[in-house]
C-alpha cells in the first residue's frame, strides 16, 4: 500500500498571494498539471519545499473545490491536498 502524504494548503496564506489563471487552461487541466509537478518535485526536494512551490504556482485555485478534487483523483504519488482555514 502506498504511503499517503497529506499536504495541507492554508487558504489564508494562499489568498495573500496574487495569481492569475492561464485563460487557456481548465481547472481540471491545472490540477492535473499541479499534481504532476508535485510528484516530480518530491523526488528531489522536501514535501515542505514542494508545498511552497505548489502554493506559489496555484494560489488562484485556493477556493476551488474542483481543483482539490481533481488533484487528489489524478495524483499517483500518494499526495493528498485539502483546504485548511486558519
N, C-alpha and C. Protein backbone atom coordinates (compact mmCIF):
# COMPACT_ATOMS: atom_id res chain seq x y z
N UNK A 1 0.84 -1.18 0.00
CA UNK A 1 0.00 0.00 0.00
C UNK A 1 0.89 1.24 0.00
N UNK A 2 0.50 2.20 -0.84
CA UNK A 2 1.26 3.44 -0.92
C UNK A 2 1.15 4.22 0.37
N UNK A 3 2.24 4.78 0.75
CA UNK A 3 2.23 5.66 1.92
C UNK A 3 1.61 6.99 1.49
N UNK A 4 0.59 7.41 2.20
CA UNK A 4 -0.08 8.66 1.86
C UNK A 4 0.64 9.83 2.50
N UNK A 5 0.83 10.85 1.72
CA UNK A 5 1.41 12.09 2.22
C UNK A 5 0.31 13.13 2.17
N UNK A 6 0.04 13.73 3.29
CA UNK A 6 -1.02 14.73 3.36
C UNK A 6 -0.41 16.12 3.33
N UNK A 7 -0.78 16.87 2.32
CA UNK A 7 -0.29 18.23 2.18
C UNK A 7 -1.46 19.16 2.46
N UNK A 8 -1.26 20.06 3.39
CA UNK A 8 -2.32 20.98 3.77
C UNK A 8 -2.03 22.33 3.18
N UNK A 9 -3.00 22.84 2.47
CA UNK A 9 -2.87 24.18 1.90
C UNK A 9 -3.64 25.15 2.77
N UNK A 10 -3.01 26.14 3.19
CA UNK A 10 -3.66 27.13 4.04
C UNK A 10 -4.31 28.19 3.16
N UNK A 11 -5.63 28.24 3.22
CA UNK A 11 -6.37 29.18 2.41
C UNK A 11 -5.97 30.61 2.76
N UNK A 12 -5.78 30.88 4.02
CA UNK A 12 -5.41 32.23 4.44
C UNK A 12 -4.11 32.68 3.77
N UNK A 13 -3.12 31.81 3.76
CA UNK A 13 -1.85 32.20 3.14
C UNK A 13 -1.95 32.25 1.63
N UNK A 14 -2.75 31.40 1.06
CA UNK A 14 -2.91 31.41 -0.39
C UNK A 14 -3.60 32.67 -0.88
N UNK A 15 -4.54 33.15 -0.11
CA UNK A 15 -5.28 34.33 -0.53
C UNK A 15 -4.44 35.59 -0.48
N UNK A 16 -3.34 35.55 0.24
CA UNK A 16 -2.47 36.72 0.27
C UNK A 16 -1.60 36.80 -0.97
N UNK A 17 -1.50 35.71 -1.67
CA UNK A 17 -0.73 35.71 -2.92
C UNK A 17 -1.64 36.09 -4.07
N UNK A 18 -1.09 36.76 -5.04
CA UNK A 18 -1.89 37.14 -6.19
C UNK A 18 -1.47 36.27 -7.37
N UNK A 19 -2.43 35.57 -7.90
CA UNK A 19 -2.15 34.69 -9.02
C UNK A 19 -3.24 34.83 -10.07
N UNK A 20 -2.86 34.69 -11.28
CA UNK A 20 -3.82 34.77 -12.37
C UNK A 20 -3.82 33.43 -13.10
N UNK A 21 -4.99 32.95 -13.40
CA UNK A 21 -5.04 31.67 -14.12
C UNK A 21 -4.66 31.85 -15.57
N UNK A 22 -4.21 30.80 -16.18
CA UNK A 22 -3.96 30.78 -17.61
C UNK A 22 -5.32 30.65 -18.28
N UNK A 23 -5.67 31.62 -19.10
CA UNK A 23 -7.00 31.63 -19.72
C UNK A 23 -7.27 30.42 -20.61
N UNK A 24 -6.24 29.74 -21.03
CA UNK A 24 -6.42 28.64 -21.95
C UNK A 24 -6.38 27.28 -21.27
N UNK A 25 -6.42 27.26 -19.96
CA UNK A 25 -6.34 26.00 -19.23
C UNK A 25 -7.55 25.88 -18.30
N UNK A 26 -8.14 24.69 -18.25
CA UNK A 26 -9.29 24.47 -17.37
C UNK A 26 -8.80 24.16 -15.96
N UNK A 27 -9.72 24.20 -15.02
CA UNK A 27 -9.39 23.87 -13.63
C UNK A 27 -8.85 22.45 -13.55
N UNK A 28 -9.47 21.55 -14.28
CA UNK A 28 -9.04 20.15 -14.26
C UNK A 28 -7.64 20.00 -14.84
N UNK A 29 -7.35 20.73 -15.91
CA UNK A 29 -6.01 20.67 -16.50
C UNK A 29 -4.97 21.26 -15.55
N UNK A 30 -5.33 22.35 -14.88
CA UNK A 30 -4.41 22.97 -13.92
C UNK A 30 -4.14 22.02 -12.77
N UNK A 31 -5.16 21.36 -12.27
CA UNK A 31 -5.00 20.42 -11.17
C UNK A 31 -4.14 19.23 -11.58
N UNK A 32 -4.35 18.74 -12.78
CA UNK A 32 -3.54 17.63 -13.28
C UNK A 32 -2.08 18.03 -13.42
N UNK A 33 -1.86 19.24 -13.93
CA UNK A 33 -0.50 19.76 -14.07
C UNK A 33 0.14 19.93 -12.70
N UNK A 34 -0.61 20.47 -11.75
CA UNK A 34 -0.10 20.67 -10.39
C UNK A 34 0.27 19.34 -9.75
N UNK A 35 -0.56 18.34 -9.96
CA UNK A 35 -0.32 17.02 -9.40
C UNK A 35 0.97 16.42 -9.95
N UNK A 36 1.16 16.52 -11.25
CA UNK A 36 2.39 16.01 -11.88
C UNK A 36 3.60 16.76 -11.36
N UNK A 37 3.49 18.09 -11.27
CA UNK A 37 4.60 18.89 -10.77
C UNK A 37 4.95 18.51 -9.33
N UNK A 38 3.93 18.26 -8.52
CA UNK A 38 4.17 17.88 -7.13
C UNK A 38 4.91 16.54 -7.06
N UNK A 39 4.46 15.58 -7.84
CA UNK A 39 5.12 14.26 -7.85
C UNK A 39 6.56 14.37 -8.31
N UNK A 40 6.81 15.19 -9.32
CA UNK A 40 8.17 15.39 -9.80
C UNK A 40 9.02 16.08 -8.74
N UNK A 41 8.43 17.04 -8.07
CA UNK A 41 9.15 17.83 -7.07
C UNK A 41 9.59 16.98 -5.87
N UNK A 42 8.70 16.14 -5.37
CA UNK A 42 9.03 15.39 -4.15
C UNK A 42 10.09 14.31 -4.39
N UNK A 43 10.43 14.08 -5.64
CA UNK A 43 11.54 13.16 -5.93
C UNK A 43 12.88 13.77 -5.53
N UNK A 44 12.95 15.11 -5.59
CA UNK A 44 14.23 15.79 -5.37
C UNK A 44 14.25 16.73 -4.16
N UNK A 45 13.07 17.13 -3.68
CA UNK A 45 13.01 18.13 -2.62
C UNK A 45 12.09 17.67 -1.49
N UNK A 46 12.13 18.39 -0.38
CA UNK A 46 11.27 18.05 0.76
C UNK A 46 9.82 18.37 0.42
N UNK A 47 8.91 17.73 1.13
CA UNK A 47 7.49 17.96 0.93
C UNK A 47 7.14 19.42 1.24
N UNK A 48 7.82 20.00 2.22
CA UNK A 48 7.56 21.39 2.59
C UNK A 48 7.95 22.34 1.45
N UNK A 49 9.10 22.10 0.84
CA UNK A 49 9.56 22.92 -0.29
C UNK A 49 8.58 22.80 -1.46
N UNK A 50 8.12 21.60 -1.71
CA UNK A 50 7.20 21.36 -2.82
C UNK A 50 5.83 21.98 -2.53
N UNK A 51 5.43 21.96 -1.27
CA UNK A 51 4.17 22.58 -0.88
C UNK A 51 4.23 24.09 -1.12
N UNK A 52 5.36 24.71 -0.76
CA UNK A 52 5.53 26.14 -1.00
C UNK A 52 5.43 26.45 -2.49
N UNK A 53 6.06 25.61 -3.29
CA UNK A 53 6.03 25.81 -4.75
C UNK A 53 4.60 25.66 -5.28
N UNK A 54 3.89 24.65 -4.78
CA UNK A 54 2.50 24.44 -5.19
C UNK A 54 1.65 25.65 -4.80
N UNK A 55 1.80 26.13 -3.58
CA UNK A 55 1.05 27.29 -3.11
C UNK A 55 1.35 28.51 -3.98
N UNK A 56 2.60 28.69 -4.31
CA UNK A 56 3.01 29.83 -5.11
C UNK A 56 2.45 29.78 -6.54
N UNK A 57 2.54 28.61 -7.14
CA UNK A 57 2.14 28.48 -8.55
C UNK A 57 0.63 28.37 -8.77
N UNK A 58 -0.11 27.90 -7.76
CA UNK A 58 -1.52 27.63 -7.97
C UNK A 58 -2.43 28.34 -6.96
N UNK A 59 -1.99 29.48 -6.46
CA UNK A 59 -2.76 30.21 -5.45
C UNK A 59 -4.13 30.66 -5.96
N UNK A 60 -4.26 30.86 -7.25
CA UNK A 60 -5.54 31.27 -7.81
C UNK A 60 -6.65 30.26 -7.51
N UNK A 61 -6.31 29.01 -7.38
CA UNK A 61 -7.28 27.93 -7.19
C UNK A 61 -7.55 27.61 -5.72
N UNK A 62 -7.14 28.48 -4.81
CA UNK A 62 -7.24 28.22 -3.37
C UNK A 62 -8.66 27.92 -2.90
N UNK A 63 -9.64 28.50 -3.52
CA UNK A 63 -11.03 28.28 -3.09
C UNK A 63 -11.82 27.42 -4.07
N UNK A 64 -11.14 26.72 -4.94
CA UNK A 64 -11.82 25.94 -5.96
C UNK A 64 -11.83 24.46 -5.58
N UNK A 65 -12.99 23.98 -5.17
CA UNK A 65 -13.13 22.58 -4.74
C UNK A 65 -12.83 21.60 -5.87
N UNK A 66 -13.14 21.99 -7.11
CA UNK A 66 -12.86 21.11 -8.25
C UNK A 66 -11.35 20.90 -8.42
N UNK A 67 -10.57 21.93 -8.13
CA UNK A 67 -9.11 21.81 -8.21
C UNK A 67 -8.62 20.76 -7.23
N UNK A 68 -9.08 20.85 -5.99
CA UNK A 68 -8.67 19.89 -4.96
C UNK A 68 -9.10 18.47 -5.33
N UNK A 69 -10.35 18.34 -5.77
CA UNK A 69 -10.87 17.01 -6.11
C UNK A 69 -10.10 16.39 -7.26
N UNK A 70 -9.84 17.17 -8.30
CA UNK A 70 -9.11 16.65 -9.45
C UNK A 70 -7.67 16.32 -9.10
N UNK A 71 -7.01 17.20 -8.35
CA UNK A 71 -5.63 16.95 -7.92
C UNK A 71 -5.55 15.61 -7.20
N UNK A 72 -6.44 15.41 -6.24
CA UNK A 72 -6.41 14.18 -5.44
C UNK A 72 -6.77 12.95 -6.27
N UNK A 73 -7.65 13.11 -7.23
CA UNK A 73 -8.08 11.99 -8.06
C UNK A 73 -6.96 11.52 -9.00
N UNK A 74 -6.25 12.45 -9.60
CA UNK A 74 -5.25 12.08 -10.61
C UNK A 74 -3.87 11.84 -10.03
N UNK A 75 -3.64 12.23 -8.79
CA UNK A 75 -2.31 12.09 -8.20
C UNK A 75 -1.92 10.63 -8.08
N UNK A 76 -0.71 10.32 -8.51
CA UNK A 76 -0.25 8.93 -8.49
C UNK A 76 1.00 8.71 -7.63
N UNK A 77 1.28 9.69 -6.75
CA UNK A 77 2.46 9.52 -5.89
C UNK A 77 2.11 9.63 -4.41
N UNK A 78 0.83 9.47 -4.08
CA UNK A 78 0.43 9.42 -2.69
C UNK A 78 0.23 10.75 -2.00
N UNK A 79 0.19 11.84 -2.76
CA UNK A 79 -0.02 13.16 -2.17
C UNK A 79 -1.50 13.52 -2.21
N UNK A 80 -2.01 13.98 -1.09
CA UNK A 80 -3.40 14.43 -0.99
C UNK A 80 -3.40 15.86 -0.48
N UNK A 81 -4.20 16.70 -1.09
CA UNK A 81 -4.28 18.09 -0.62
C UNK A 81 -5.69 18.37 -0.12
N UNK A 82 -5.78 19.34 0.79
CA UNK A 82 -7.07 19.76 1.29
C UNK A 82 -6.97 21.21 1.70
N UNK A 83 -8.13 21.86 1.81
CA UNK A 83 -8.17 23.25 2.27
C UNK A 83 -8.12 23.26 3.78
N UNK A 84 -7.42 24.25 4.30
CA UNK A 84 -7.41 24.45 5.74
C UNK A 84 -7.58 25.94 5.99
N UNK A 85 -8.59 26.28 6.73
CA UNK A 85 -8.86 27.68 7.04
C UNK A 85 -8.31 27.97 8.43
N UNK A 86 -7.52 29.03 8.53
CA UNK A 86 -6.95 29.40 9.82
C UNK A 86 -7.77 30.49 10.45
